PDB file of N, CA and C in Angstrom:
ATOM      1  N   UNK A   1     115.547 125.632 113.995  1.00  0.00           N
ATOM      2  CA  UNK A   1     115.907 124.376 113.358  1.00  0.00           C
ATOM      3  C   UNK A   1     117.285 124.516 112.726  1.00  0.00           C
ATOM      4  N   UNK A   2     118.053 123.484 112.804  1.00  0.00           N
ATOM      5  CA  UNK A   2     119.417 123.472 112.298  1.00  0.00           C
ATOM      6  C   UNK A   2     119.437 123.211 110.796  1.00  0.00           C
ATOM      7  N   UNK A   3     120.526 123.672 110.166  1.00  0.00           N
ATOM      8  CA  UNK A   3     120.713 123.408 108.745  1.00  0.00           C
ATOM      9  C   UNK A   3     121.283 122.016 108.500  1.00  0.00           C
ATOM     10  N   UNK A   4     121.692 121.339 109.562  1.00  0.00           N
ATOM     11  CA  UNK A   4     122.263 120.007 109.427  1.00  0.00           C
ATOM     12  C   UNK A   4     121.186 119.022 108.988  1.00  0.00           C
ATOM     13  N   UNK A   5     121.617 118.015 108.239  1.00  0.00           N
ATOM     14  CA  UNK A   5     120.644 117.018 107.801  1.00  0.00           C
ATOM     15  C   UNK A   5     120.254 116.109 108.964  1.00  0.00           C
ATOM     16  N   UNK A   6     119.177 115.393 108.772  1.00  0.00           N
ATOM     17  CA  UNK A   6     118.596 114.561 109.821  1.00  0.00           C
ATOM     18  C   UNK A   6     119.595 113.535 110.344  1.00  0.00           C
ATOM     19  N   UNK A   7     120.304 112.878 109.466  1.00  0.00           N
ATOM     20  CA  UNK A   7     121.237 111.830 109.883  1.00  0.00           C
ATOM     21  C   UNK A   7     122.351 112.397 110.760  1.00  0.00           C
ATOM     22  N   UNK A   8     122.867 113.556 110.416  1.00  0.00           N
ATOM     23  CA  UNK A   8     123.913 114.198 111.213  1.00  0.00           C
ATOM     24  C   UNK A   8     123.386 114.579 112.585  1.00  0.00           C
ATOM     25  N   UNK A   9     122.193 115.161 112.629  1.00  0.00           N
ATOM     26  CA  UNK A   9     121.600 115.546 113.911  1.00  0.00           C
ATOM     27  C   UNK A   9     121.318 114.318 114.770  1.00  0.00           C
ATOM     28  N   UNK A  10     120.889 113.223 114.133  1.00  0.00           N
ATOM     29  CA  UNK A  10     120.620 111.981 114.866  1.00  0.00           C
ATOM     30  C   UNK A  10     121.918 111.423 115.455  1.00  0.00           C
ATOM     31  N   UNK A  11     122.970 111.376 114.659  1.00  0.00           N
ATOM     32  CA  UNK A  11     124.258 110.867 115.137  1.00  0.00           C
ATOM     33  C   UNK A  11     124.787 111.712 116.297  1.00  0.00           C
ATOM     34  N   UNK A  12     124.602 113.022 116.231  1.00  0.00           N
ATOM     35  CA  UNK A  12     125.024 113.899 117.317  1.00  0.00           C
ATOM     36  C   UNK A  12     124.207 113.635 118.586  1.00  0.00           C
ATOM     37  N   UNK A  13     122.913 113.373 118.417  1.00  0.00           N
ATOM     38  CA  UNK A  13     122.055 113.060 119.568  1.00  0.00           C
ATOM     39  C   UNK A  13     122.467 111.728 120.195  1.00  0.00           C
ATOM     40  N   UNK A  14     122.826 110.758 119.373  1.00  0.00           N
ATOM     41  CA  UNK A  14     123.276 109.462 119.888  1.00  0.00           C
ATOM     42  C   UNK A  14     124.561 109.655 120.700  1.00  0.00           C
ATOM     43  N   UNK A  15     125.483 110.464 120.200  1.00  0.00           N
ATOM     44  CA  UNK A  15     126.716 110.736 120.938  1.00  0.00           C
ATOM     45  C   UNK A  15     126.409 111.417 122.272  1.00  0.00           C
ATOM     46  N   UNK A  16     125.489 112.360 122.248  1.00  0.00           N
ATOM     47  CA  UNK A  16     125.082 113.045 123.472  1.00  0.00           C
ATOM     48  C   UNK A  16     124.452 112.054 124.459  1.00  0.00           C
ATOM     49  N   UNK A  17     123.625 111.169 123.951  1.00  0.00           N
ATOM     50  CA  UNK A  17     122.977 110.154 124.793  1.00  0.00           C
ATOM     51  C   UNK A  17     124.002 109.211 125.410  1.00  0.00           C
ATOM     52  N   UNK A  18     125.033 108.878 124.659  1.00  0.00           N
ATOM     53  CA  UNK A  18     126.058 107.974 125.170  1.00  0.00           C
ATOM     54  C   UNK A  18     126.805 108.572 126.357  1.00  0.00           C
ATOM     55  N   UNK A  19     126.813 109.891 126.460  1.00  0.00           N
ATOM     56  CA  UNK A  19     127.477 110.564 127.576  1.00  0.00           C
ATOM     57  C   UNK A  19     126.564 110.729 128.792  1.00  0.00           C
ATOM     58  N   UNK A  20     125.295 110.403 128.641  1.00  0.00           N
ATOM     59  CA  UNK A  20     124.339 110.525 129.739  1.00  0.00           C
ATOM     60  C   UNK A  20     124.369 109.285 130.615  1.00  0.00           C
ATOM     61  N   UNK A  21     123.958 109.463 131.849  1.00  0.00           N
ATOM     62  CA  UNK A  21     123.871 108.352 132.790  1.00  0.00           C
ATOM     63  C   UNK A  21     122.464 107.762 132.740  1.00  0.00           C
ATOM     64  N   UNK A  22     122.382 106.480 132.460  1.00  0.00           N
ATOM     65  CA  UNK A  22     121.076 105.819 132.418  1.00  0.00           C
ATOM     66  C   UNK A  22     120.418 105.799 133.787  1.00  0.00           C
ATOM     67  N   UNK A  23     121.217 105.707 134.831  1.00  0.00           N
ATOM     68  CA  UNK A  23     120.680 105.608 136.179  1.00  0.00           C
ATOM     69  C   UNK A  23     119.839 106.827 136.556  1.00  0.00           C
ATOM     70  N   UNK A  24     120.140 107.967 135.936  1.00  0.00           N
ATOM     71  CA  UNK A  24     119.408 109.183 136.276  1.00  0.00           C
ATOM     72  C   UNK A  24     118.072 109.299 135.538  1.00  0.00           C
ATOM     73  N   UNK A  25     117.831 108.406 134.594  1.00  0.00           N
ATOM     74  CA  UNK A  25     116.607 108.469 133.792  1.00  0.00           C
ATOM     75  C   UNK A  25     115.568 107.479 134.307  1.00  0.00           C
ATOM     76  N   UNK A  26     114.306 107.891 134.384  1.00  0.00           N
ATOM     77  CA  UNK A  26     113.245 106.948 134.756  1.00  0.00           C
ATOM     78  C   UNK A  26     113.157 105.810 133.731  1.00  0.00           C
ATOM     79  N   UNK A  27     112.693 104.670 134.182  1.00  0.00           N
ATOM     80  CA  UNK A  27     112.618 103.490 133.310  1.00  0.00           C
ATOM     81  C   UNK A  27     111.767 103.735 132.064  1.00  0.00           C
ATOM     82  N   UNK A  28     110.658 104.477 132.211  1.00  0.00           N
ATOM     83  CA  UNK A  28     109.805 104.705 131.043  1.00  0.00           C
ATOM     84  C   UNK A  28     110.526 105.555 130.001  1.00  0.00           C
ATOM     85  N   UNK A  29     111.357 106.485 130.437  1.00  0.00           N
ATOM     86  CA  UNK A  29     112.131 107.312 129.510  1.00  0.00           C
ATOM     87  C   UNK A  29     113.191 106.456 128.814  1.00  0.00           C
ATOM     88  N   UNK A  30     113.843 105.587 129.576  1.00  0.00           N
ATOM     89  CA  UNK A  30     114.831 104.686 128.990  1.00  0.00           C
ATOM     90  C   UNK A  30     114.207 103.798 127.919  1.00  0.00           C
ATOM     91  N   UNK A  31     113.022 103.268 128.216  1.00  0.00           N
ATOM     92  CA  UNK A  31     112.342 102.403 127.249  1.00  0.00           C
ATOM     93  C   UNK A  31     111.941 103.170 125.997  1.00  0.00           C
ATOM     94  N   UNK A  32     111.458 104.397 126.181  1.00  0.00           N
ATOM     95  CA  UNK A  32     111.066 105.222 125.036  1.00  0.00           C
ATOM     96  C   UNK A  32     112.277 105.522 124.151  1.00  0.00           C
ATOM     97  N   UNK A  33     113.389 105.887 124.764  1.00  0.00           N
ATOM     98  CA  UNK A  33     114.605 106.168 123.991  1.00  0.00           C
ATOM     99  C   UNK A  33     115.092 104.921 123.269  1.00  0.00           C
ATOM    100  N   UNK A  34     115.040 103.782 123.961  1.00  0.00           N
ATOM    101  CA  UNK A  34     115.434 102.521 123.337  1.00  0.00           C
ATOM    102  C   UNK A  34     114.587 102.247 122.101  1.00  0.00           C
ATOM    103  N   UNK A  35     113.283 102.371 122.262  1.00  0.00           N
ATOM    104  CA  UNK A  35     112.361 102.073 121.162  1.00  0.00           C
ATOM    105  C   UNK A  35     112.583 103.022 119.989  1.00  0.00           C
ATOM    106  N   UNK A  36     112.741 104.304 120.274  1.00  0.00           N
ATOM    107  CA  UNK A  36     112.975 105.280 119.204  1.00  0.00           C
ATOM    108  C   UNK A  36     114.282 104.991 118.476  1.00  0.00           C
ATOM    109  N   UNK A  37     115.308 104.645 119.234  1.00  0.00           N
ATOM    110  CA  UNK A  37     116.597 104.336 118.631  1.00  0.00           C
ATOM    111  C   UNK A  37     116.493 103.095 117.737  1.00  0.00           C
ATOM    112  N   UNK A  38     115.887 102.042 118.261  1.00  0.00           N
ATOM    113  CA  UNK A  38     115.779 100.804 117.493  1.00  0.00           C
ATOM    114  C   UNK A  38     114.932 100.985 116.233  1.00  0.00           C
ATOM    115  N   UNK A  39     113.825 101.703 116.342  1.00  0.00           N
ATOM    116  CA  UNK A  39     112.976 101.940 115.180  1.00  0.00           C
ATOM    117  C   UNK A  39     113.729 102.796 114.161  1.00  0.00           C
ATOM    118  N   UNK A  40     114.539 103.729 114.650  1.00  0.00           N
ATOM    119  CA  UNK A  40     115.318 104.603 113.768  1.00  0.00           C
ATOM    120  C   UNK A  40     116.412 103.853 113.025  1.00  0.00           C
ATOM    121  N   UNK A  41     117.012 102.890 113.685  1.00  0.00           N
ATOM    122  CA  UNK A  41     118.171 102.217 113.102  1.00  0.00           C
ATOM    123  C   UNK A  41     117.879 100.848 112.498  1.00  0.00           C
ATOM    124  N   UNK A  42     116.800 100.190 112.959  1.00  0.00           N
ATOM    125  CA  UNK A  42     116.491  98.844 112.482  1.00  0.00           C
ATOM    126  C   UNK A  42     115.139  98.730 111.802  1.00  0.00           C
ATOM    127  N   UNK A  43     114.314  99.759 111.899  1.00  0.00           N
ATOM    128  CA  UNK A  43     112.980  99.690 111.319  1.00  0.00           C
ATOM    129  C   UNK A  43     112.027  98.919 112.221  1.00  0.00           C
ATOM    130  N   UNK A  44     110.914  98.520 111.662  1.00  0.00           N
ATOM    131  CA  UNK A  44     109.855  97.866 112.425  1.00  0.00           C
ATOM    132  C   UNK A  44     110.286  96.494 112.919  1.00  0.00           C
ATOM    133  N   UNK A  45     109.972  96.237 114.183  1.00  0.00           N
ATOM    134  CA  UNK A  45     110.325  94.963 114.821  1.00  0.00           C
ATOM    135  C   UNK A  45     109.437  93.835 114.299  1.00  0.00           C
ATOM    136  N   UNK A  46     110.035  92.670 114.214  1.00  0.00           N
ATOM    137  CA  UNK A  46     109.256  91.453 113.971  1.00  0.00           C
ATOM    138  C   UNK A  46     109.601  90.492 115.087  1.00  0.00           C
ATOM    139  N   UNK A  47     108.600  89.930 115.717  1.00  0.00           N
ATOM    140  CA  UNK A  47     108.865  89.075 116.873  1.00  0.00           C
ATOM    141  C   UNK A  47     109.536  87.758 116.495  1.00  0.00           C
ATOM    142  N   UNK A  48     109.560  87.438 115.232  1.00  0.00           N
ATOM    143  CA  UNK A  48     110.272  86.235 114.811  1.00  0.00           C
ATOM    144  C   UNK A  48     111.782  86.442 114.876  1.00  0.00           C
ATOM    145  N   UNK A  49     112.211  87.679 114.741  1.00  0.00           N
ATOM    146  CA  UNK A  49     113.644  87.976 114.766  1.00  0.00           C
ATOM    147  C   UNK A  49     114.133  88.211 116.190  1.00  0.00           C
ATOM    148  N   UNK A  50     113.287  88.751 117.038  1.00  0.00           N
ATOM    149  CA  UNK A  50     113.684  89.120 118.382  1.00  0.00           C
ATOM    150  C   UNK A  50     112.881  88.340 119.427  1.00  0.00           C
ATOM    151  N   UNK A  51     113.272  87.099 119.697  1.00  0.00           N
ATOM    152  CA  UNK A  51     112.542  86.338 120.724  1.00  0.00           C
ATOM    153  C   UNK A  51     112.781  86.943 122.102  1.00  0.00           C
ATOM    154  N   UNK A  52     111.803  86.839 122.964  1.00  0.00           N
ATOM    155  CA  UNK A  52     111.883  87.404 124.303  1.00  0.00           C
ATOM    156  C   UNK A  52     112.051  86.266 125.303  1.00  0.00           C
ATOM    157  N   UNK A  53     113.150  86.309 126.047  1.00  0.00           N
ATOM    158  CA  UNK A  53     113.441  85.262 127.007  1.00  0.00           C
ATOM    159  C   UNK A  53     113.336  85.719 128.458  1.00  0.00           C
ATOM    160  N   UNK A  54     113.231  87.011 128.677  1.00  0.00           N
ATOM    161  CA  UNK A  54     113.145  87.497 130.042  1.00  0.00           C
ATOM    162  C   UNK A  54     112.278  88.755 130.091  1.00  0.00           C
ATOM    163  N   UNK A  55     111.914  89.147 131.299  1.00  0.00           N
ATOM    164  CA  UNK A  55     111.002  90.271 131.492  1.00  0.00           C
ATOM    165  C   UNK A  55     111.594  91.584 130.983  1.00  0.00           C
ATOM    166  N   UNK A  56     112.881  91.804 131.225  1.00  0.00           N
ATOM    167  CA  UNK A  56     113.525  93.045 130.778  1.00  0.00           C
ATOM    168  C   UNK A  56     113.394  93.205 129.257  1.00  0.00           C
ATOM    169  N   UNK A  57     113.729  92.164 128.529  1.00  0.00           N
ATOM    170  CA  UNK A  57     113.635  92.232 127.076  1.00  0.00           C
ATOM    171  C   UNK A  57     112.189  92.305 126.603  1.00  0.00           C
ATOM    172  N   UNK A  58     111.279  91.732 127.353  1.00  0.00           N
ATOM    173  CA  UNK A  58     109.859  91.821 126.998  1.00  0.00           C
ATOM    174  C   UNK A  58     109.396  93.274 127.045  1.00  0.00           C
ATOM    175  N   UNK A  59     109.813  94.014 128.063  1.00  0.00           N
ATOM    176  CA  UNK A  59     109.462  95.430 128.151  1.00  0.00           C
ATOM    177  C   UNK A  59     110.083  96.221 127.000  1.00  0.00           C
ATOM    178  N   UNK A  60     111.327  95.904 126.669  1.00  0.00           N
ATOM    179  CA  UNK A  60     112.006  96.602 125.574  1.00  0.00           C
ATOM    180  C   UNK A  60     111.300  96.346 124.237  1.00  0.00           C
ATOM    181  N   UNK A  61     110.973  95.102 123.994  1.00  0.00           N
ATOM    182  CA  UNK A  61     110.310  94.752 122.738  1.00  0.00           C
ATOM    183  C   UNK A  61     108.911  95.359 122.671  1.00  0.00           C
ATOM    184  N   UNK A  62     108.215  95.390 123.800  1.00  0.00           N
ATOM    185  CA  UNK A  62     106.885  95.986 123.848  1.00  0.00           C
ATOM    186  C   UNK A  62     106.956  97.483 123.527  1.00  0.00           C
ATOM    187  N   UNK A  63     107.935  98.164 124.094  1.00  0.00           N
ATOM    188  CA  UNK A  63     108.098  99.597 123.820  1.00  0.00           C
ATOM    189  C   UNK A  63     108.361  99.821 122.338  1.00  0.00           C
ATOM    190  N   UNK A  64     109.164  98.975 121.744  1.00  0.00           N
ATOM    191  CA  UNK A  64     109.485  99.089 120.321  1.00  0.00           C
ATOM    192  C   UNK A  64     108.246  98.821 119.471  1.00  0.00           C
ATOM    193  N   UNK A  65     107.481  97.798 119.835  1.00  0.00           N
ATOM    194  CA  UNK A  65     106.272  97.481 119.066  1.00  0.00           C
ATOM    195  C   UNK A  65     105.248  98.613 119.121  1.00  0.00           C
ATOM    196  N   UNK A  66     105.191  99.316 120.255  1.00  0.00           N
ATOM    197  CA  UNK A  66     104.217 100.394 120.411  1.00  0.00           C
ATOM    198  C   UNK A  66     104.464 101.561 119.454  1.00  0.00           C
ATOM    199  N   UNK A  67     105.684 101.713 118.979  1.00  0.00           N
ATOM    200  CA  UNK A  67     105.960 102.824 118.050  1.00  0.00           C
ATOM    201  C   UNK A  67     106.238 102.325 116.634  1.00  0.00           C
ATOM    202  N   UNK A  68     105.934 101.087 116.362  1.00  0.00           N
ATOM    203  CA  UNK A  68     106.243 100.495 115.059  1.00  0.00           C
ATOM    204  C   UNK A  68     105.483 101.154 113.906  1.00  0.00           C
ATOM    205  N   UNK A  69     104.459 101.934 114.222  1.00  0.00           N
ATOM    206  CA  UNK A  69     103.704 102.631 113.176  1.00  0.00           C
ATOM    207  C   UNK A  69     104.426 103.892 112.688  1.00  0.00           C
ATOM    208  N   UNK A  70     105.460 104.320 113.397  1.00  0.00           N
ATOM    209  CA  UNK A  70     106.204 105.520 113.016  1.00  0.00           C
ATOM    210  C   UNK A  70     107.307 105.171 112.019  1.00  0.00           C
ATOM    211  N   UNK A  71     107.630 106.118 111.150  1.00  0.00           N
ATOM    212  CA  UNK A  71     108.713 105.899 110.196  1.00  0.00           C
ATOM    213  C   UNK A  71     110.059 106.073 110.900  1.00  0.00           C
ATOM    214  N   UNK A  72     111.101 105.622 110.245  1.00  0.00           N
ATOM    215  CA  UNK A  72     112.444 105.777 110.797  1.00  0.00           C
ATOM    216  C   UNK A  72     112.781 107.262 110.975  1.00  0.00           C
ATOM    217  N   UNK A  73     112.432 108.091 110.007  1.00  0.00           N
ATOM    218  CA  UNK A  73     112.721 109.517 110.110  1.00  0.00           C
ATOM    219  C   UNK A  73     111.926 110.189 111.229  1.00  0.00           C
ATOM    220  N   UNK A  74     110.675 109.786 111.403  1.00  0.00           N
ATOM    221  CA  UNK A  74     109.875 110.338 112.507  1.00  0.00           C
ATOM    222  C   UNK A  74     110.517 109.983 113.848  1.00  0.00           C
ATOM    223  N   UNK A  75     110.980 108.757 113.964  1.00  0.00           N
ATOM    224  CA  UNK A  75     111.608 108.322 115.207  1.00  0.00           C
ATOM    225  C   UNK A  75     112.925 109.050 115.452  1.00  0.00           C
ATOM    226  N   UNK A  76     113.672 109.297 114.396  1.00  0.00           N
ATOM    227  CA  UNK A  76     114.917 110.050 114.556  1.00  0.00           C
ATOM    228  C   UNK A  76     114.625 111.451 115.090  1.00  0.00           C
ATOM    229  N   UNK A  77     113.620 112.108 114.533  1.00  0.00           N
ATOM    230  CA  UNK A  77     113.253 113.448 115.009  1.00  0.00           C
ATOM    231  C   UNK A  77     112.818 113.411 116.474  1.00  0.00           C
ATOM    232  N   UNK A  78     112.004 112.428 116.840  1.00  0.00           N
ATOM    233  CA  UNK A  78     111.540 112.302 118.224  1.00  0.00           C
ATOM    234  C   UNK A  78     112.699 111.988 119.173  1.00  0.00           C
ATOM    235  N   UNK A  79     113.625 111.164 118.721  1.00  0.00           N
ATOM    236  CA  UNK A  79     114.798 110.824 119.526  1.00  0.00           C
ATOM    237  C   UNK A  79     115.646 112.069 119.758  1.00  0.00           C
ATOM    238  N   UNK A  80     115.896 112.826 118.708  1.00  0.00           N
ATOM    239  CA  UNK A  80     116.687 114.061 118.806  1.00  0.00           C
ATOM    240  C   UNK A  80     116.038 115.019 119.798  1.00  0.00           C
ATOM    241  N   UNK A  81     114.738 115.218 119.665  1.00  0.00           N
ATOM    242  CA  UNK A  81     114.016 116.117 120.571  1.00  0.00           C
ATOM    243  C   UNK A  81     114.115 115.637 122.014  1.00  0.00           C
ATOM    244  N   UNK A  82     113.944 114.347 122.239  1.00  0.00           N
ATOM    245  CA  UNK A  82     113.983 113.803 123.597  1.00  0.00           C
ATOM    246  C   UNK A  82     115.368 113.968 124.220  1.00  0.00           C
ATOM    247  N   UNK A  83     116.397 113.675 123.463  1.00  0.00           N
ATOM    248  CA  UNK A  83     117.767 113.788 123.996  1.00  0.00           C
ATOM    249  C   UNK A  83     118.099 115.236 124.315  1.00  0.00           C
ATOM    250  N   UNK A  84     117.740 116.148 123.430  1.00  0.00           N
ATOM    251  CA  UNK A  84     118.036 117.560 123.691  1.00  0.00           C
ATOM    252  C   UNK A  84     117.228 118.075 124.878  1.00  0.00           C
ATOM    253  N   UNK A  85     116.020 117.607 125.027  1.00  0.00           N
ATOM    254  CA  UNK A  85     115.200 117.998 126.186  1.00  0.00           C
ATOM    255  C   UNK A  85     115.842 117.502 127.482  1.00  0.00           C
ATOM    256  N   UNK A  86     116.312 116.262 127.475  1.00  0.00           N
ATOM    257  CA  UNK A  86     116.961 115.708 128.667  1.00  0.00           C
ATOM    258  C   UNK A  86     118.281 116.420 128.968  1.00  0.00           C
ATOM    259  N   UNK A  87     119.007 116.773 127.928  1.00  0.00           N
ATOM    260  CA  UNK A  87     120.290 117.459 128.120  1.00  0.00           C
ATOM    261  C   UNK A  87     120.088 118.849 128.741  1.00  0.00           C
ATOM    262  N   UNK A  88     119.001 119.509 128.410  1.00  0.00           N
ATOM    263  CA  UNK A  88     118.707 120.836 128.963  1.00  0.00           C
ATOM    264  C   UNK A  88     118.393 120.765 130.450  1.00  0.00           C
ATOM    265  N   UNK A  89     117.849 119.624 130.902  1.00  0.00           N
ATOM    266  CA  UNK A  89     117.464 119.464 132.303  1.00  0.00           C
ATOM    267  C   UNK A  89     118.657 119.270 133.227  1.00  0.00           C
ATOM    268  N   UNK A  90     119.791 118.938 132.665  1.00  0.00           N
ATOM    269  CA  UNK A  90     120.999 118.679 133.479  1.00  0.00           C
ATOM    270  C   UNK A  90     121.572 119.936 134.042  1.00  0.00           C
TER     271      UNK A  90
END
C-alpha cells in the first residue's frame, strides 16, 4: 500500500485511465468504471437529476444505481484497484 493519500491515488488512477483506450475494454468493465467514477466524484445518483433519454444512458445510470450503497471512498479504492489491474494487463 502506498503512503499517498486516497485523493492523490484516485487522481493518479484517473490520469492513467484517461490514457487507456476504451475500445479495448469490454462494455461491462466500462460501465463499472463509469459507475465507480461517478459515485466517487458525485455521490449517490438521484433519478430526478439524471433523466434517461436513451438506452446508452440507461445502462450507465443503472450501473451507477447498482453501487449507490457504497461510499465515495470505497468507490475510489475500487476504482484505483480496477485501473491498476487493467494497466497490468497491457
